[in-house]
PDB file of N, CA and C in Angstrom:
ATOM      1  N   MET A   1     127.037 145.128 112.750  1.00  0.00           N
ATOM      2  CA  MET A   1     128.455 144.832 112.632  1.00  0.00           C
ATOM      3  C   MET A   1     128.822 143.591 113.446  1.00  0.00           C
ATOM      4  N   LEU A   2     128.243 143.498 114.636  1.00  0.00           N
ATOM      5  CA  LEU A   2     128.536 142.335 115.468  1.00  0.00           C
ATOM      6  C   LEU A   2     127.955 141.063 114.864  1.00  0.00           C
ATOM      7  N   SER A   3     126.904 141.206 114.085  1.00  0.00           N
ATOM      8  CA  SER A   3     126.292 140.029 113.461  1.00  0.00           C
ATOM      9  C   SER A   3     127.181 139.425 112.371  1.00  0.00           C
ATOM     10  N   ASP A   4     128.165 140.184 111.904  1.00  0.00           N
ATOM     11  CA  ASP A   4     129.114 139.633 110.924  1.00  0.00           C
ATOM     12  C   ASP A   4     129.978 138.531 111.532  1.00  0.00           C
ATOM     13  N   TYR A   5     130.174 138.601 112.835  1.00  0.00           N
ATOM     14  CA  TYR A   5     131.029 137.627 113.519  1.00  0.00           C
ATOM     15  C   TYR A   5     130.248 136.453 114.089  1.00  0.00           C
ATOM     16  N   LEU A   6     128.950 136.458 113.929  1.00  0.00           N
ATOM     17  CA  LEU A   6     128.107 135.388 114.463  1.00  0.00           C
ATOM     18  C   LEU A   6     128.444 134.012 113.874  1.00  0.00           C
ATOM     19  N   PRO A   7     128.689 133.862 112.572  1.00  0.00           N
ATOM     20  CA  PRO A   7     129.073 132.536 112.051  1.00  0.00           C
ATOM     21  C   PRO A   7     130.384 132.024 112.659  1.00  0.00           C
ATOM     22  N   ILE A   8     131.309 132.930 112.928  1.00  0.00           N
ATOM     23  CA  ILE A   8     132.574 132.506 113.536  1.00  0.00           C
ATOM     24  C   ILE A   8     132.323 132.005 114.952  1.00  0.00           C
ATOM     25  N   LEU A   9     131.446 132.685 115.684  1.00  0.00           N
ATOM     26  CA  LEU A   9     131.107 132.239 117.040  1.00  0.00           C
ATOM     27  C   LEU A   9     130.446 130.871 117.001  1.00  0.00           C
ATOM     28  N   PHE A  10     129.500 130.666 116.069  1.00  0.00           N
ATOM     29  CA  PHE A  10     128.860 129.361 115.946  1.00  0.00           C
ATOM     30  C   PHE A  10     129.873 128.267 115.595  1.00  0.00           C
ATOM     31  N   TYR A  11     130.788 128.580 114.701  1.00  0.00           N
ATOM     32  CA  TYR A  11     131.809 127.607 114.310  1.00  0.00           C
ATOM     33  C   TYR A  11     132.702 127.262 115.497  1.00  0.00           C
ATOM     34  N   ALA A  12     133.110 128.257 116.280  1.00  0.00           N
ATOM     35  CA  ALA A  12     133.962 128.007 117.445  1.00  0.00           C
ATOM     36  C   ALA A  12     133.222 127.168 118.483  1.00  0.00           C
ATOM     37  N   LEU A  13     131.937 127.481 118.713  1.00  0.00           N
ATOM     38  CA  LEU A  13     131.158 126.689 119.671  1.00  0.00           C
ATOM     39  C   LEU A  13     130.971 125.251 119.186  1.00  0.00           C
ATOM     40  N   PHE A  14     130.724 125.081 117.886  1.00  0.00           N
ATOM     41  CA  PHE A  14     130.585 123.736 117.330  1.00  0.00           C
ATOM     42  C   PHE A  14     131.895 122.953 117.477  1.00  0.00           C
ATOM     43  N   ALA A  15     133.026 123.592 117.174  1.00  0.00           N
ATOM     44  CA  ALA A  15     134.322 122.918 117.282  1.00  0.00           C
ATOM     45  C   ALA A  15     134.613 122.527 118.727  1.00  0.00           C
ATOM     46  N   ALA A  16     134.359 123.449 119.663  1.00  0.00           N
ATOM     47  CA  ALA A  16     134.592 123.139 121.076  1.00  0.00           C
ATOM     48  C   ALA A  16     133.679 122.016 121.542  1.00  0.00           C
ATOM     49  N   GLY A  17     132.423 122.021 121.117  1.00  0.00           N
ATOM     50  CA  GLY A  17     131.501 120.957 121.486  1.00  0.00           C
ATOM     51  C   GLY A  17     131.915 119.612 120.905  1.00  0.00           C
ATOM     52  N   PHE A  18     132.372 119.622 119.662  1.00  0.00           N
ATOM     53  CA  PHE A  18     132.813 118.373 119.040  1.00  0.00           C
ATOM     54  C   PHE A  18     134.039 117.804 119.754  1.00  0.00           C
ATOM     55  N   VAL A  19     134.989 118.659 120.075  1.00  0.00           N
ATOM     56  CA  VAL A  19     136.190 118.195 120.785  1.00  0.00           C
ATOM     57  C   VAL A  19     135.819 117.655 122.155  1.00  0.00           C
ATOM     58  N   GLY A  20     134.961 118.356 122.858  1.00  0.00           N
ATOM     59  CA  GLY A  20     134.525 117.887 124.176  1.00  0.00           C
ATOM     60  C   GLY A  20     133.792 116.559 124.093  1.00  0.00           C
ATOM     61  N   ALA A  21     132.887 116.430 123.099  1.00  0.00           N
ATOM     62  CA  ALA A  21     132.148 115.175 122.942  1.00  0.00           C
ATOM     63  C   ALA A  21     133.081 114.023 122.573  1.00  0.00           C
ATOM     64  N   ALA A  22     134.048 114.271 121.716  1.00  0.00           N
ATOM     65  CA  ALA A  22     134.999 113.219 121.335  1.00  0.00           C
ATOM     66  C   ALA A  22     135.851 112.794 122.531  1.00  0.00           C
ATOM     67  N   ALA A  23     136.298 113.752 123.340  1.00  0.00           N
ATOM     68  CA  ALA A  23     137.095 113.415 124.518  1.00  0.00           C
ATOM     69  C   ALA A  23     136.267 112.645 125.533  1.00  0.00           C
ATOM     70  N   LEU A  24     135.021 113.054 125.731  1.00  0.00           N
ATOM     71  CA  LEU A  24     134.144 112.356 126.668  1.00  0.00           C
ATOM     72  C   LEU A  24     133.844 110.939 126.175  1.00  0.00           C
ATOM     73  N   ALA A  25     133.599 110.773 124.887  1.00  0.00           N
ATOM     74  CA  ALA A  25     133.338 109.446 124.331  1.00  0.00           C
ATOM     75  C   ALA A  25     134.557 108.543 124.469  1.00  0.00           C
ATOM     76  N   ALA A  26     135.723 109.087 124.260  1.00  0.00           N
ATOM     77  CA  ALA A  26     136.937 108.277 124.404  1.00  0.00           C
ATOM     78  C   ALA A  26     137.140 107.848 125.853  1.00  0.00           C
ATOM     79  N   GLU A  27     136.799 108.732 126.782  1.00  0.00           N
ATOM     80  CA  GLU A  27     136.955 108.395 128.198  1.00  0.00           C
ATOM     81  C   GLU A  27     135.935 107.342 128.629  1.00  0.00           C
ATOM     82  N   VAL A  28     134.713 107.464 128.162  1.00  0.00           N
ATOM     83  CA  VAL A  28     133.654 106.547 128.581  1.00  0.00           C
ATOM     84  C   VAL A  28     133.763 105.199 127.879  1.00  0.00           C
ATOM     85  N   LEU A  29     134.014 105.222 126.579  1.00  0.00           N
ATOM     86  CA  LEU A  29     133.987 103.988 125.797  1.00  0.00           C
ATOM     87  C   LEU A  29     135.348 103.312 125.658  1.00  0.00           C
ATOM     88  N   GLY A  30     136.412 103.974 126.061  1.00  0.00           N
ATOM     89  CA  GLY A  30     137.755 103.427 125.856  1.00  0.00           C
ATOM     90  C   GLY A  30     138.058 102.244 126.758  1.00  0.00           C
ATOM     91  N   ARG A  31     138.971 101.384 126.287  1.00  0.00           N
ATOM     92  CA  ARG A  31     139.364 100.217 127.079  1.00  0.00           C
ATOM     93  C   ARG A  31     140.325 100.633 128.177  1.00  0.00           C
ATOM     94  N   ARG A  32     140.256  99.942 129.284  1.00  0.00           N
ATOM     95  CA  ARG A  32     141.163 100.199 130.396  1.00  0.00           C
ATOM     96  C   ARG A  32     141.881  98.904 130.761  1.00  0.00           C
ATOM     97  N   VAL A  33     142.738  98.453 129.876  1.00  0.00           N
ATOM     98  CA  VAL A  33     143.476  97.221 130.098  1.00  0.00           C
ATOM     99  C   VAL A  33     144.903  97.589 130.466  1.00  0.00           C
ATOM    100  N   ALA A  34     145.355  97.123 131.614  1.00  0.00           N
ATOM    101  CA  ALA A  34     146.722  97.399 132.049  1.00  0.00           C
ATOM    102  C   ALA A  34     147.635  96.304 131.503  1.00  0.00           C
ATOM    103  N   ALA A  35     148.226  96.545 130.364  1.00  0.00           N
ATOM    104  CA  ALA A  35     149.143  95.573 129.762  1.00  0.00           C
ATOM    105  C   ALA A  35     150.449  95.581 130.548  1.00  0.00           C
ATOM    106  N   PRO A  36     151.161  94.435 130.582  1.00  0.00           N
ATOM    107  CA  PRO A  36     152.392  94.381 131.374  1.00  0.00           C
ATOM    108  C   PRO A  36     153.479  95.343 130.882  1.00  0.00           C
ATOM    109  N   GLY A  37     153.547  95.579 129.590  1.00  0.00           N
ATOM    110  CA  GLY A  37     154.605  96.442 129.081  1.00  0.00           C
ATOM    111  C   GLY A  37     154.189  97.885 128.862  1.00  0.00           C
ATOM    112  N   LYS A  38     153.002  98.225 129.350  1.00  0.00           N
ATOM    113  CA  LYS A  38     152.460  99.549 129.065  1.00  0.00           C
ATOM    114  C   LYS A  38     153.293 100.673 129.679  1.00  0.00           C
ATOM    115  N   PHE A  39     153.774 100.482 130.871  1.00  0.00           N
ATOM    116  CA  PHE A  39     154.514 101.535 131.561  1.00  0.00           C
ATOM    117  C   PHE A  39     156.016 101.314 131.546  1.00  0.00           C
ATOM    118  N   SER A  40     156.491 100.364 130.750  1.00  0.00           N
ATOM    119  CA  SER A  40     157.938 100.150 130.668  1.00  0.00           C
ATOM    120  C   SER A  40     158.548 101.138 129.666  1.00  0.00           C
ATOM    121  N   THR A  41     159.825 101.382 129.821  1.00  0.00           N
ATOM    122  CA  THR A  41     160.524 102.311 128.945  1.00  0.00           C
ATOM    123  C   THR A  41     160.738 101.668 127.588  1.00  0.00           C
ATOM    124  N   TYR A  42     160.496 102.420 126.539  1.00  0.00           N
ATOM    125  CA  TYR A  42     160.650 101.917 125.172  1.00  0.00           C
ATOM    126  C   TYR A  42     161.513 102.905 124.413  1.00  0.00           C
ATOM    127  N   GLU A  43     162.592 102.420 123.871  1.00  0.00           N
ATOM    128  CA  GLU A  43     163.525 103.303 123.161  1.00  0.00           C
ATOM    129  C   GLU A  43     163.920 102.649 121.848  1.00  0.00           C
ATOM    130  N   CYS A  44     163.288 103.014 120.782  1.00  0.00           N
ATOM    131  CA  CYS A  44     163.640 102.574 119.435  1.00  0.00           C
ATOM    132  C   CYS A  44     163.615 101.058 119.283  1.00  0.00           C
ATOM    133  N   GLY A  45     162.729 100.382 119.960  1.00  0.00           N
ATOM    134  CA  GLY A  45     162.606  98.949 119.809  1.00  0.00           C
ATOM    135  C   GLY A  45     163.628  98.157 120.589  1.00  0.00           C
ATOM    136  N   MET A  46     164.453  98.825 121.370  1.00  0.00           N
ATOM    137  CA  MET A  46     165.497  98.134 122.144  1.00  0.00           C
ATOM    138  C   MET A  46     165.271  98.390 123.631  1.00  0.00           C
ATOM    139  N   THR A  47     165.634  97.427 124.443  1.00  0.00           N
ATOM    140  CA  THR A  47     165.571  97.611 125.880  1.00  0.00           C
ATOM    141  C   THR A  47     166.685  98.565 126.297  1.00  0.00           C
ATOM    142  N   PRO A  48     166.364  99.633 127.025  1.00  0.00           N
ATOM    143  CA  PRO A  48     167.406 100.586 127.410  1.00  0.00           C
ATOM    144  C   PRO A  48     168.413  99.965 128.367  1.00  0.00           C
ATOM    145  N   VAL A  49     169.662 100.356 128.190  1.00  0.00           N
ATOM    146  CA  VAL A  49     170.745  99.860 129.024  1.00  0.00           C
ATOM    147  C   VAL A  49     171.445 101.053 129.653  1.00  0.00           C
ATOM    148  N   GLY A  50     171.661 101.004 130.932  1.00  0.00           N
ATOM    149  CA  GLY A  50     172.401 102.074 131.600  1.00  0.00           C
ATOM    150  C   GLY A  50     171.496 103.216 132.036  1.00  0.00           C
ATOM    151  N   ASN A  51     172.148 104.276 132.487  1.00  0.00           N
ATOM    152  CA  ASN A  51     171.452 105.437 133.015  1.00  0.00           C
ATOM    153  C   ASN A  51     171.190 106.447 131.905  1.00  0.00           C
ATOM    154  N   ALA A  52     170.018 107.012 131.874  1.00  0.00           N
ATOM    155  CA  ALA A  52     169.682 108.013 130.862  1.00  0.00           C
ATOM    156  C   ALA A  52     170.263 109.374 131.201  1.00  0.00           C
ATOM    157  N   ARG A  53     170.793 109.546 132.383  1.00  0.00           N
ATOM    158  CA  ARG A  53     171.309 110.837 132.832  1.00  0.00           C
ATOM    159  C   ARG A  53     172.823 110.954 132.698  1.00  0.00           C
ATOM    160  N   ARG A  54     173.431 110.149 131.861  1.00  0.00           N
ATOM    161  CA  ARG A  54     174.885 110.226 131.718  1.00  0.00           C
ATOM    162  C   ARG A  54     175.275 111.500 130.977  1.00  0.00           C
ATOM    163  N   ARG A  55     176.466 111.945 131.189  1.00  0.00           N
ATOM    164  CA  ARG A  55     176.944 113.175 130.576  1.00  0.00           C
ATOM    165  C   ARG A  55     177.441 112.879 129.170  1.00  0.00           C
ATOM    166  N   LEU A  56     177.071 113.750 128.254  1.00  0.00           N
ATOM    167  CA  LEU A  56     177.500 113.613 126.879  1.00  0.00           C
ATOM    168  C   LEU A  56     178.724 114.481 126.636  1.00  0.00           C
ATOM    169  N   SER A  57     179.468 114.110 125.654  1.00  0.00           N
ATOM    170  CA  SER A  57     180.640 114.876 125.282  1.00  0.00           C
ATOM    171  C   SER A  57     180.224 116.228 124.705  1.00  0.00           C
ATOM    172  N   LEU A  58     181.055 117.214 124.876  1.00  0.00           N
ATOM    173  CA  LEU A  58     180.808 118.536 124.320  1.00  0.00           C
ATOM    174  C   LEU A  58     180.822 118.488 122.795  1.00  0.00           C
ATOM    175  N   HIS A  59     181.415 117.460 122.252  1.00  0.00           N
ATOM    176  CA  HIS A  59     181.527 117.306 120.809  1.00  0.00           C
ATOM    177  C   HIS A  59     180.144 117.256 120.139  1.00  0.00           C
ATOM    178  N   PHE A  60     179.173 116.638 120.780  1.00  0.00           N
ATOM    179  CA  PHE A  60     177.823 116.563 120.218  1.00  0.00           C
ATOM    180  C   PHE A  60     177.233 117.956 120.048  1.00  0.00           C
ATOM    181  N   TYR A  61     177.441 118.815 121.039  1.00  0.00           N
ATOM    182  CA  TYR A  61     176.903 120.170 120.968  1.00  0.00           C
ATOM    183  C   TYR A  61     177.625 120.982 119.895  1.00  0.00           C
ATOM    184  N   LEU A  62     178.913 120.768 119.735  1.00  0.00           N
ATOM    185  CA  LEU A  62     179.679 121.480 118.718  1.00  0.00           C
ATOM    186  C   LEU A  62     179.194 121.103 117.317  1.00  0.00           C
ATOM    187  N   ILE A  63     178.934 119.832 117.101  1.00  0.00           N
ATOM    188  CA  ILE A  63     178.408 119.395 115.811  1.00  0.00           C
ATOM    189  C   ILE A  63     177.033 120.024 115.566  1.00  0.00           C
ATOM    190  N   ALA A  64     176.203 120.115 116.590  1.00  0.00           N
ATOM    191  CA  ALA A  64     174.873 120.721 116.442  1.00  0.00           C
ATOM    192  C   ALA A  64     174.986 122.195 116.074  1.00  0.00           C
ATOM    193  N   VAL A  65     175.899 122.914 116.700  1.00  0.00           N
ATOM    194  CA  VAL A  65     176.077 124.340 116.397  1.00  0.00           C
ATOM    195  C   VAL A  65     176.602 124.517 114.976  1.00  0.00           C
ATOM    196  N   LEU A  66     177.514 123.662 114.560  1.00  0.00           N
ATOM    197  CA  LEU A  66     178.016 123.747 113.183  1.00  0.00           C
ATOM    198  C   LEU A  66     176.909 123.439 112.179  1.00  0.00           C
ATOM    199  N   PHE A  67     176.056 122.483 112.504  1.00  0.00           N
ATOM    200  CA  PHE A  67     174.934 122.187 111.612  1.00  0.00           C
ATOM    201  C   PHE A  67     174.026 123.398 111.473  1.00  0.00           C
ATOM    202  N   ILE A  68     173.709 124.048 112.589  1.00  0.00           N
ATOM    203  CA  ILE A  68     172.842 125.227 112.540  1.00  0.00           C
ATOM    204  C   ILE A  68     173.506 126.336 111.746  1.00  0.00           C
ATOM    205  N   LEU A  69     174.814 126.516 111.907  1.00  0.00           N
ATOM    206  CA  LEU A  69     175.543 127.551 111.170  1.00  0.00           C
ATOM    207  C   LEU A  69     175.418 127.334 109.662  1.00  0.00           C
ATOM    208  N   PHE A  70     175.663 126.142 109.202  1.00  0.00           N
ATOM    209  CA  PHE A  70     175.648 125.899 107.768  1.00  0.00           C
ATOM    210  C   PHE A  70     174.235 125.721 107.228  1.00  0.00           C
ATOM    211  N   ASP A  71     173.295 125.361 108.085  1.00  0.00           N
ATOM    212  CA  ASP A  71     171.907 125.337 107.668  1.00  0.00           C
ATOM    213  C   ASP A  71     171.407 126.765 107.447  1.00  0.00           C
ATOM    214  N   ALA A  72     171.794 127.664 108.305  1.00  0.00           N
ATOM    215  CA  ALA A  72     171.427 129.072 108.126  1.00  0.00           C
ATOM    216  C   ALA A  72     172.087 129.640 106.877  1.00  0.00           C
ATOM    217  N   GLU A  73     173.295 129.199 106.596  1.00  0.00           N
ATOM    218  CA  GLU A  73     173.972 129.650 105.373  1.00  0.00           C
ATOM    219  C   GLU A  73     173.169 129.253 104.138  1.00  0.00           C
ATOM    220  N   ALA A  74     172.702 128.028 104.113  1.00  0.00           N
ATOM    221  CA  ALA A  74     171.897 127.581 102.967  1.00  0.00           C
ATOM    222  C   ALA A  74     170.572 128.338 102.897  1.00  0.00           C
ATOM    223  N   ALA A  75     170.005 128.643 104.050  1.00  0.00           N
ATOM    224  CA  ALA A  75     168.740 129.377 104.069  1.00  0.00           C
ATOM    225  C   ALA A  75     168.908 130.795 103.529  1.00  0.00           C
ATOM    226  N   PHE A  76     170.079 131.383 103.697  1.00  0.00           N
ATOM    227  CA  PHE A  76     170.322 132.720 103.163  1.00  0.00           C
ATOM    228  C   PHE A  76     170.762 132.685 101.706  1.00  0.00           C
ATOM    229  N   LEU A  77     171.379 131.595 101.286  1.00  0.00           N
ATOM    230  CA  LEU A  77     171.860 131.523  99.906  1.00  0.00           C
ATOM    231  C   LEU A  77     170.744 131.264  98.894  1.00  0.00           C
ATOM    232  N   LEU A  78     169.745 130.506  99.268  1.00  0.00           N
ATOM    233  CA  LEU A  78     168.685 130.186  98.316  1.00  0.00           C
ATOM    234  C   LEU A  78     167.910 131.418  97.856  1.00  0.00           C
ATOM    235  N   PRO A  79     167.469 132.301  98.762  1.00  0.00           N
ATOM    236  CA  PRO A  79     166.788 133.501  98.263  1.00  0.00           C
ATOM    237  C   PRO A  79     167.711 134.403  97.446  1.00  0.00           C
ATOM    238  N   TRP A  80     168.978 134.459  97.823  1.00  0.00           N
ATOM    239  CA  TRP A  80     169.919 135.279  97.063  1.00  0.00           C
ATOM    240  C   TRP A  80     170.077 134.735  95.642  1.00  0.00           C
ATOM    241  N   ALA A  81     170.091 133.426  95.495  1.00  0.00           N
ATOM    242  CA  ALA A  81     170.246 132.830  94.173  1.00  0.00           C
ATOM    243  C   ALA A  81     169.072 133.175  93.267  1.00  0.00           C
ATOM    244  N   VAL A  82     167.905 133.366  93.854  1.00  0.00           N
ATOM    245  CA  VAL A  82     166.734 133.703  93.052  1.00  0.00           C
ATOM    246  C   VAL A  82     166.849 135.117  92.498  1.00  0.00           C
ATOM    247  N   VAL A  83     167.384 136.040  93.283  1.00  0.00           N
ATOM    248  CA  VAL A  83     167.462 137.446  92.869  1.00  0.00           C
ATOM    249  C   VAL A  83     168.898 137.875  92.577  1.00  0.00           C
ATOM    250  N   ALA A  84     169.742 136.944  92.184  1.00  0.00           N
ATOM    251  CA  ALA A  84     171.156 137.253  91.996  1.00  0.00           C
ATOM    252  C   ALA A  84     171.383 138.313  90.924  1.00  0.00           C
ATOM    253  N   LYS A  85     170.644 138.262  89.831  1.00  0.00           N
ATOM    254  CA  LYS A  85     170.838 139.248  88.755  1.00  0.00           C
ATOM    255  C   LYS A  85     170.376 140.639  89.188  1.00  0.00           C
ATOM    256  N   LYS A  86     169.289 140.705  89.949  1.00  0.00           N
ATOM    257  CA  LYS A  86     168.788 142.001  90.410  1.00  0.00           C
ATOM    258  C   LYS A  86     169.668 142.598  91.500  1.00  0.00           C
ATOM    259  N   ALA A  87     170.374 141.763  92.253  1.00  0.00           N
ATOM    260  CA  ALA A  87     171.188 142.254  93.370  1.00  0.00           C
ATOM    261  C   ALA A  87     172.400 143.028  92.875  1.00  0.00           C
ATOM    262  N   GLY A  88     172.895 142.690  91.713  1.00  0.00           N
ATOM    263  CA  GLY A  88     174.016 143.421  91.135  1.00  0.00           C
ATOM    264  C   GLY A  88     175.325 143.163  91.866  1.00  0.00           C
ATOM    265  N   LEU A  89     176.254 144.106  91.703  1.00  0.00           N
ATOM    266  CA  LEU A  89     177.589 143.965  92.279  1.00  0.00           C
ATOM    267  C   LEU A  89     177.552 144.026  93.803  1.00  0.00           C
ATOM    268  N   ALA A  90     176.697 144.889  94.369  1.00  0.00           N
ATOM    269  CA  ALA A  90     176.613 144.992  95.829  1.00  0.00           C
ATOM    270  C   ALA A  90     176.132 143.677  96.441  1.00  0.00           C
ATOM    271  N   GLY A  91     175.149 143.034  95.813  1.00  0.00           N
ATOM    272  CA  GLY A  91     174.682 141.747  96.298  1.00  0.00           C
ATOM    273  C   GLY A  91     175.739 140.673  96.181  1.00  0.00           C
ATOM    274  N   PHE A  92     176.501 140.711  95.092  1.00  0.00           N
ATOM    275  CA  PHE A  92     177.571 139.727  94.908  1.00  0.00           C
ATOM    276  C   PHE A  92     178.661 139.900  95.962  1.00  0.00           C
ATOM    277  N   VAL A  93     179.026 141.140  96.230  1.00  0.00           N
ATOM    278  CA  VAL A  93     180.074 141.401  97.236  1.00  0.00           C
ATOM    279  C   VAL A  93     179.602 140.975  98.624  1.00  0.00           C
ATOM    280  N   SER A  94     178.352 141.276  98.958  1.00  0.00           N
ATOM    281  CA  SER A  94     177.853 140.899 100.287  1.00  0.00           C
ATOM    282  C   SER A  94     177.788 139.381 100.452  1.00  0.00           C
ATOM    283  N   VAL A  95     177.350 138.678  99.414  1.00  0.00           N
ATOM    284  CA  VAL A  95     177.309 137.213  99.508  1.00  0.00           C
ATOM    285  C   VAL A  95     178.712 136.635  99.535  1.00  0.00           C
ATOM    286  N   THR A  96     179.653 137.246  98.817  1.00  0.00           N
ATOM    287  CA  THR A  96     181.039 136.772  98.857  1.00  0.00           C
ATOM    288  C   THR A  96     181.616 136.939 100.258  1.00  0.00           C
ATOM    289  N   LEU A  97     181.332 138.055 100.905  1.00  0.00           N
ATOM    290  CA  LEU A  97     181.791 138.249 102.282  1.00  0.00           C
ATOM    291  C   LEU A  97     181.134 137.241 103.224  1.00  0.00           C
ATOM    292  N   PHE A  98     179.853 137.020 103.033  1.00  0.00           N
ATOM    293  CA  PHE A  98     179.128 136.056 103.861  1.00  0.00           C
ATOM    294  C   PHE A  98     179.714 134.657 103.718  1.00  0.00           C
ATOM    295  N   LEU A  99     179.963 134.245 102.472  1.00  0.00           N
ATOM    296  CA  LEU A  99     180.549 132.917 102.250  1.00  0.00           C
ATOM    297  C   LEU A  99     181.979 132.849 102.754  1.00  0.00           C
ATOM    298  N   GLY A 100     182.688 133.950 102.660  1.00  0.00           N
ATOM    299  CA  GLY A 100     184.054 133.978 103.192  1.00  0.00           C
ATOM    300  C   GLY A 100     184.078 133.777 104.700  1.00  0.00           C
ATOM    301  N   LEU A 101     183.164 134.455 105.406  1.00  0.00           N
ATOM    302  CA  LEU A 101     183.099 134.276 106.858  1.00  0.00           C
ATOM    303  C   LEU A 101     182.661 132.858 107.226  1.00  0.00           C
ATOM    304  N   ALA A 102     181.686 132.329 106.508  1.00  0.00           N
ATOM    305  CA  ALA A 102     181.254 130.959 106.779  1.00  0.00           C
ATOM    306  C   ALA A 102     182.368 129.962 106.454  1.00  0.00           C
ATOM    307  N   GLY A 103     183.092 130.199 105.376  1.00  0.00           N
ATOM    308  CA  GLY A 103     184.230 129.337 105.036  1.00  0.00           C
ATOM    309  C   GLY A 103     185.335 129.429 106.070  1.00  0.00           C
ATOM    310  N   ALA A 104     185.575 130.641 106.596  1.00  0.00           N
ATOM    311  CA  ALA A 104     186.581 130.786 107.659  1.00  0.00           C
ATOM    312  C   ALA A 104     186.150 130.022 108.905  1.00  0.00           C
ATOM    313  N   GLY A 105     184.858 130.070 109.220  1.00  0.00           N
ATOM    314  CA  GLY A 105     184.364 129.294 110.362  1.00  0.00           C
ATOM    315  C   GLY A 105     184.539 127.804 110.152  1.00  0.00           C
ATOM    316  N   LEU A 106     184.287 127.349 108.944  1.00  0.00           N
ATOM    317  CA  LEU A 106     184.497 125.932 108.635  1.00  0.00           C
ATOM    318  C   LEU A 106     185.973 125.564 108.724  1.00  0.00           C
ATOM    319  N   ALA A 107     186.842 126.441 108.233  1.00  0.00           N
ATOM    320  CA  ALA A 107     188.286 126.168 108.297  1.00  0.00           C
ATOM    321  C   ALA A 107     188.770 126.081 109.740  1.00  0.00           C
ATOM    322  N   VAL A 108     188.302 126.979 110.581  1.00  0.00           N
ATOM    323  CA  VAL A 108     188.701 126.945 112.000  1.00  0.00           C
ATOM    324  C   VAL A 108     188.195 125.673 112.658  1.00  0.00           C
ATOM    325  N   ALA A 109     186.940 125.304 112.393  1.00  0.00           N
ATOM    326  CA  ALA A 109     186.389 124.081 112.974  1.00  0.00           C
ATOM    327  C   ALA A 109     187.142 122.854 112.480  1.00  0.00           C
ATOM    328  N   TRP A 110     187.506 122.848 111.219  1.00  0.00           N
ATOM    329  CA  TRP A 110     188.246 121.728 110.653  1.00  0.00           C
ATOM    330  C   TRP A 110     189.642 121.638 111.274  1.00  0.00           C
ATOM    331  N   LYS A 111     190.300 122.796 111.427  1.00  0.00           N
ATOM    332  CA  LYS A 111     191.653 122.820 112.008  1.00  0.00           C
ATOM    333  C   LYS A 111     191.644 122.364 113.464  1.00  0.00           C
ATOM    334  N   LYS A 112     190.596 122.730 114.196  1.00  0.00           N
ATOM    335  CA  LYS A 112     190.500 122.344 115.612  1.00  0.00           C
ATOM    336  C   LYS A 112     190.096 120.882 115.777  1.00  0.00           C
ATOM    337  N   GLY A 113     189.697 120.221 114.695  1.00  0.00           N
ATOM    338  CA  GLY A 113     189.300 118.825 114.768  1.00  0.00           C
ATOM    339  C   GLY A 113     187.860 118.623 115.177  1.00  0.00           C
ATOM    340  N   ALA A 114     187.029 119.654 115.002  1.00  0.00           N
ATOM    341  CA  ALA A 114     185.628 119.562 115.416  1.00  0.00           C
ATOM    342  C   ALA A 114     184.848 118.613 114.516  1.00  0.00           C
ATOM    343  N   LEU A 115     185.335 118.352 113.319  1.00  0.00           N
ATOM    344  CA  LEU A 115     184.612 117.485 112.396  1.00  0.00           C
ATOM    345  C   LEU A 115     185.072 116.027 112.475  1.00  0.00           C
ATOM    346  N   GLU A 116     186.016 115.739 113.326  1.00  0.00           N
ATOM    347  CA  GLU A 116     186.493 114.362 113.519  1.00  0.00           C
ATOM    348  C   GLU A 116     185.563 113.664 114.489  1.00  0.00           C
ATOM    349  N   TRP A 117     185.025 112.530 114.076  1.00  0.00           N
ATOM    350  CA  TRP A 117     184.105 111.810 114.935  1.00  0.00           C
ATOM    351  C   TRP A 117     184.848 110.676 115.606  1.00  0.00           C
ATOM    352  N   GLU A 118     184.868 110.733 116.938  1.00  0.00           N
ATOM    353  CA  GLU A 118     185.561 109.700 117.709  1.00  0.00           C
ATOM    354  C   GLU A 118     184.528 108.794 118.359  1.00  0.00           C
ATOM    355  N   ALA A 119     184.765 107.508 118.277  1.00  0.00           N
ATOM    356  CA  ALA A 119     183.811 106.548 118.835  1.00  0.00           C
ATOM    357  C   ALA A 119     183.953 106.427 120.322  1.00  0.00           C
TER     358      ALA A 119
END
C-alpha cells in the first residue's frame, strides 16, 4: 500500500531538487550590478511626489464597500438566472426581495451623496 505513494514521493523530491538547483544557479550565475535607480521608488512610471502616508478620505472606502455590495449581487444573480425556471415562484420571490434590499441600499447611498465624486 505504501508503494502506491512512491511515485508521488519521487515527484516531490524531483520538484524540490529542481527548485533548489534553479535558485542556486540564479544566485551563483546572476549579475550583481548596482544600478543607480535600482533602489529608488517607482510608481507607475512617475516620480512620487509627497508623503505616501497621507490620510485618504472616507469616501474611497465607501465606494469600495458599495462595489463589493453590488459585485456580490451580480455573483448571486448569475446562478439564479441559470435555474430561474426550476426555482419557481419561491425563487422569484426571494430574488425580488434580494433585489429590493440591494436597490434600497443603492437608493440610500445615492440620497446620501455617496456616489458623487469630488475632486
